[in-house]
Amino acid sequence: MSSPKQRKPKASKPQTPLWKYIEKLEKHDGGGNNRCRCKFCKLEFTGSYTRVRDHLQRIPRSGIEICEAVDSDTLEKLLKIQADADAKAIGVDMQSIPLPNVENYGLIKRKGDGGLGELFNMPARDKLDNLIARAFFGCAIANNALRSPLFREVIQFACDNNLTG
């Protein structure tokens, strides 16, 4: 009987960057399962990318042993690599969603303002409005969430309490 053929490593998909830390030994028929070996701890296992991720990111009780050879610095690096890939997969860079110029917050004269803008801290309110809008648009949250009593309760609590830190 011939030994399984070693597969040439190929570039991983952008959303599966942790494959480069795993050696693929053979591909099983059906599904995304592969016979793999961890390059850190040399553990051999069969599984898909989910098991690879859980093994390398040391996620307990996920059906695979955690990688004892991954130290905290490496773990932090792996988590960042995966988070960046996840953000790229949804196609949203939170910092790329533009906001109006910060220096203009609250300086827009409103008809009939009469100095009340300063009394109600309009610059802070305008900035908060824009930050909430960026969060909703950037995370693709449905606008009907704004009508939810739960969302209103959260915002009301945040406004009523001086939360520091």
Protein backbone atom coordinates (compact mmCIF):
# COMPACT_ATOMS: atom_id res chain seq x y z
CA MET A 1 0.00 0.00 0.00
CA SER A 2 1.41 3.39 -0.94
CA SER A 3 1.82 6.17 1.57
CA PRO A 4 -0.49 9.20 1.36
CA LYS A 5 0.75 11.81 -1.07
CA GLN A 6 2.15 14.96 0.53
CA ARG A 7 0.25 18.02 -0.65
CA LYS A 8 2.01 21.16 -1.75
CA PRO A 9 1.15 24.06 0.52
CA LYS A 10 -0.87 26.64 -1.33
CA ALA A 11 -1.83 30.14 -0.30
CA SER A 12 -4.66 30.13 2.19
CA LYS A 13 -7.85 32.05 1.63
CA PRO A 14 -7.88 35.52 3.19
CA GLN A 15 -10.48 34.45 5.78
CA THR A 16 -8.46 31.35 6.83
CA PRO A 17 -5.00 32.74 7.65
CA LEU A 18 -4.11 30.18 10.34
CA TRP A 19 -3.63 27.37 7.81
CA LYS A 20 -0.01 28.54 7.40
CA TYR A 21 0.72 27.28 10.93
CA ILE A 22 -0.60 23.82 10.08
CA GLU A 23 0.90 21.20 7.78
CA LYS A 24 -1.77 19.51 5.65
CA LEU A 25 -0.93 15.82 5.36
CA GLU A 26 -3.82 14.58 3.23
CA LYS A 27 -7.27 15.60 2.08
CA HIS A 28 -10.23 13.40 2.99
CA ASP A 29 -13.12 12.88 0.62
CA GLY A 30 -16.13 15.09 1.25
CA GLY A 31 -16.36 18.22 3.31
CA GLY A 32 -13.41 20.38 4.26
CA ASN A 33 -11.65 17.81 6.41
CA ASN A 34 -7.90 17.34 6.16
CA ARG A 35 -5.37 15.23 8.00
CA CYS A 36 -3.18 17.90 9.61
CA ARG A 37 -0.14 18.40 11.84
CA CYS A 38 0.38 21.47 14.01
CA LYS A 39 3.73 23.14 13.28
CA PHE A 40 4.01 24.22 16.94
CA CYS A 41 3.22 21.07 18.95
CA LYS A 42 3.28 18.41 16.17
CA LEU A 43 -0.21 17.16 17.12
CA GLU A 44 -1.83 15.23 14.25
CA PHE A 45 -5.59 15.50 13.83
CA THR A 46 -8.34 15.39 11.26
CA GLY A 47 -10.54 18.41 10.82
CA SER A 48 -11.50 21.58 9.05
CA TYR A 49 -10.39 25.16 9.58
CA THR A 50 -12.62 25.50 12.64
CA ARG A 51 -10.63 22.84 14.48
CA VAL A 52 -7.36 24.43 13.32
CA ARG A 53 -8.47 27.80 14.69
CA ASP A 54 -9.71 26.33 17.97
CA HIS A 55 -6.48 24.35 18.43
CA LEU A 56 -4.15 27.27 17.77
CA GLN A 57 -6.21 29.82 19.69
CA ARG A 58 -6.39 27.49 22.68
CA ILE A 59 -10.19 27.38 22.82
CA PRO A 60 -11.12 24.77 25.45
CA ARG A 61 -13.89 22.17 25.07
CA SER A 62 -14.16 22.59 21.31
CA GLY A 63 -13.47 18.99 20.34
CA ILE A 64 -9.72 19.31 19.92
CA GLU A 65 -6.75 19.55 22.27
CA ILE A 66 -5.44 23.05 22.84
CA CYS A 67 -1.93 23.76 21.56
CA GLU A 68 0.33 23.78 24.61
CA ALA A 69 3.27 25.05 22.52
CA VAL A 70 1.59 28.40 21.78
CA ASP A 71 2.77 30.97 24.33
CA SER A 72 0.85 34.12 25.25
CA ASP A 73 2.70 36.36 22.77
CA THR A 74 2.09 33.95 19.90
CA LEU A 75 -1.54 33.53 20.98
CA GLU A 76 -2.03 37.30 20.89
CA LYS A 77 -0.51 37.41 17.40
CA LEU A 78 -2.77 34.57 16.19
CA LEU A 79 -5.87 36.23 17.62
CA LYS A 80 -4.99 39.50 15.86
CA ILE A 81 -4.34 37.72 12.56
CA GLN A 82 -7.75 36.02 12.75
CA ALA A 83 -9.54 39.22 13.83
CA ASP A 84 -8.03 41.12 10.90
CA ALA A 85 -9.09 38.36 8.51
CA ASP A 86 -12.63 38.36 9.93
CA ALA A 87 -12.89 42.14 9.53
CA LYS A 88 -11.59 41.91 5.97
CA ALA A 89 -14.09 39.13 5.19
CA ILE A 90 -17.03 41.36 6.06
CA GLY A 91 -15.39 44.13 4.07
CA VAL A 92 -15.69 46.80 6.72
CA ASP A 93 -12.82 48.79 8.13
CA MET A 94 -14.35 50.66 11.05
CA GLN A 95 -11.87 53.51 10.74
CA SER A 96 -12.70 54.04 7.07
CA ILE A 97 -16.27 55.17 7.73
CA PRO A 98 -15.92 58.95 7.56
CA LEU A 99 -17.24 61.41 10.09
CA PRO A 100 -17.66 65.14 9.63
CA ASN A 101 -14.83 67.40 10.75
CA VAL A 102 -14.51 67.20 14.53
CA GLU A 103 -13.90 70.94 14.93
CA ASN A 104 -17.38 71.69 13.56
CA TYR A 105 -19.30 69.86 16.29
CA GLY A 106 -21.83 72.15 17.91
CA LEU A 107 -20.62 75.25 16.08
CA ILE A 108 -23.42 75.21 13.54
CA LYS A 109 -25.76 78.04 14.43
CA ARG A 110 -29.30 76.87 14.68
CA LYS A 111 -32.13 79.26 13.98
CA GLY A 112 -33.58 80.49 17.23
CA ASP A 113 -30.76 78.96 19.30
CA GLY A 114 -30.33 81.97 21.57
CA GLY A 115 -27.29 80.46 23.35
CA LEU A 116 -29.07 77.28 24.38
CA GLY A 117 -26.54 75.24 22.41
CA GLU A 118 -23.90 75.87 25.06
CA LEU A 119 -26.34 75.11 27.84
CA PHE A 120 -27.19 71.69 26.40
CA ASN A 121 -23.58 70.86 25.41
CA MET A 122 -24.39 70.65 21.71
CA PRO A 123 -20.83 69.84 20.57
CA ALA A 124 -20.85 66.65 22.65
CA ARG A 125 -24.36 65.76 21.51
CA ASP A 126 -23.45 66.25 17.83
CA LYS A 127 -20.35 64.11 18.22
CA LEU A 128 -22.37 61.37 19.98
CA ASP A 129 -24.94 61.40 17.17
CA ASN A 130 -22.21 60.93 14.57
CA LEU A 131 -20.44 58.18 16.53
CA ILE A 132 -23.70 56.26 16.95
CA ALA A 133 -24.42 56.65 13.23
CA ARG A 134 -20.94 55.36 12.32
CA ALA A 135 -21.38 52.35 14.63
CA PHE A 136 -24.77 51.50 13.10
CA PHE A 137 -23.60 51.92 9.51
CA GLY A 138 -20.24 50.23 10.05
CA CYS A 139 -21.70 47.19 11.80
CA ALA A 140 -24.67 46.99 9.44
CA ILE A 141 -27.16 47.21 12.31
CA ALA A 142 -30.72 47.57 11.11
CA ASN A 143 -32.29 50.97 11.69
CA ASN A 144 -35.29 49.38 13.40
CA ALA A 145 -32.99 48.61 16.34
CA LEU A 146 -33.23 52.32 17.15
CA ARG A 147 -36.94 51.87 17.85
CA SER A 148 -36.32 49.01 20.24
CA PRO A 149 -37.13 49.75 23.90
CA LEU A 150 -33.97 47.85 24.84
CA PHE A 151 -31.75 50.20 22.81
CA ARG A 152 -33.52 53.23 24.23
CA GLU A 153 -33.01 51.90 27.75
CA VAL A 154 -29.26 51.47 27.11
CA ILE A 155 -28.89 55.00 25.74
CA GLN A 156 -31.00 56.47 28.53
CA PHE A 157 -28.88 54.74 31.17
CA ALA A 158 -25.65 55.96 29.53
CA CYS A 159 -26.98 59.51 29.43
CA ASP A 160 -28.28 59.53 32.99
CA ASN A 161 -25.06 58.24 34.57
CA ASN A 162 -21.62 59.79 34.57
CA LEU A 163 -19.66 56.69 33.60
CA THR A 164 -15.93 57.29 33.89
CA GLY A 165 -13.03 55.04 33.00
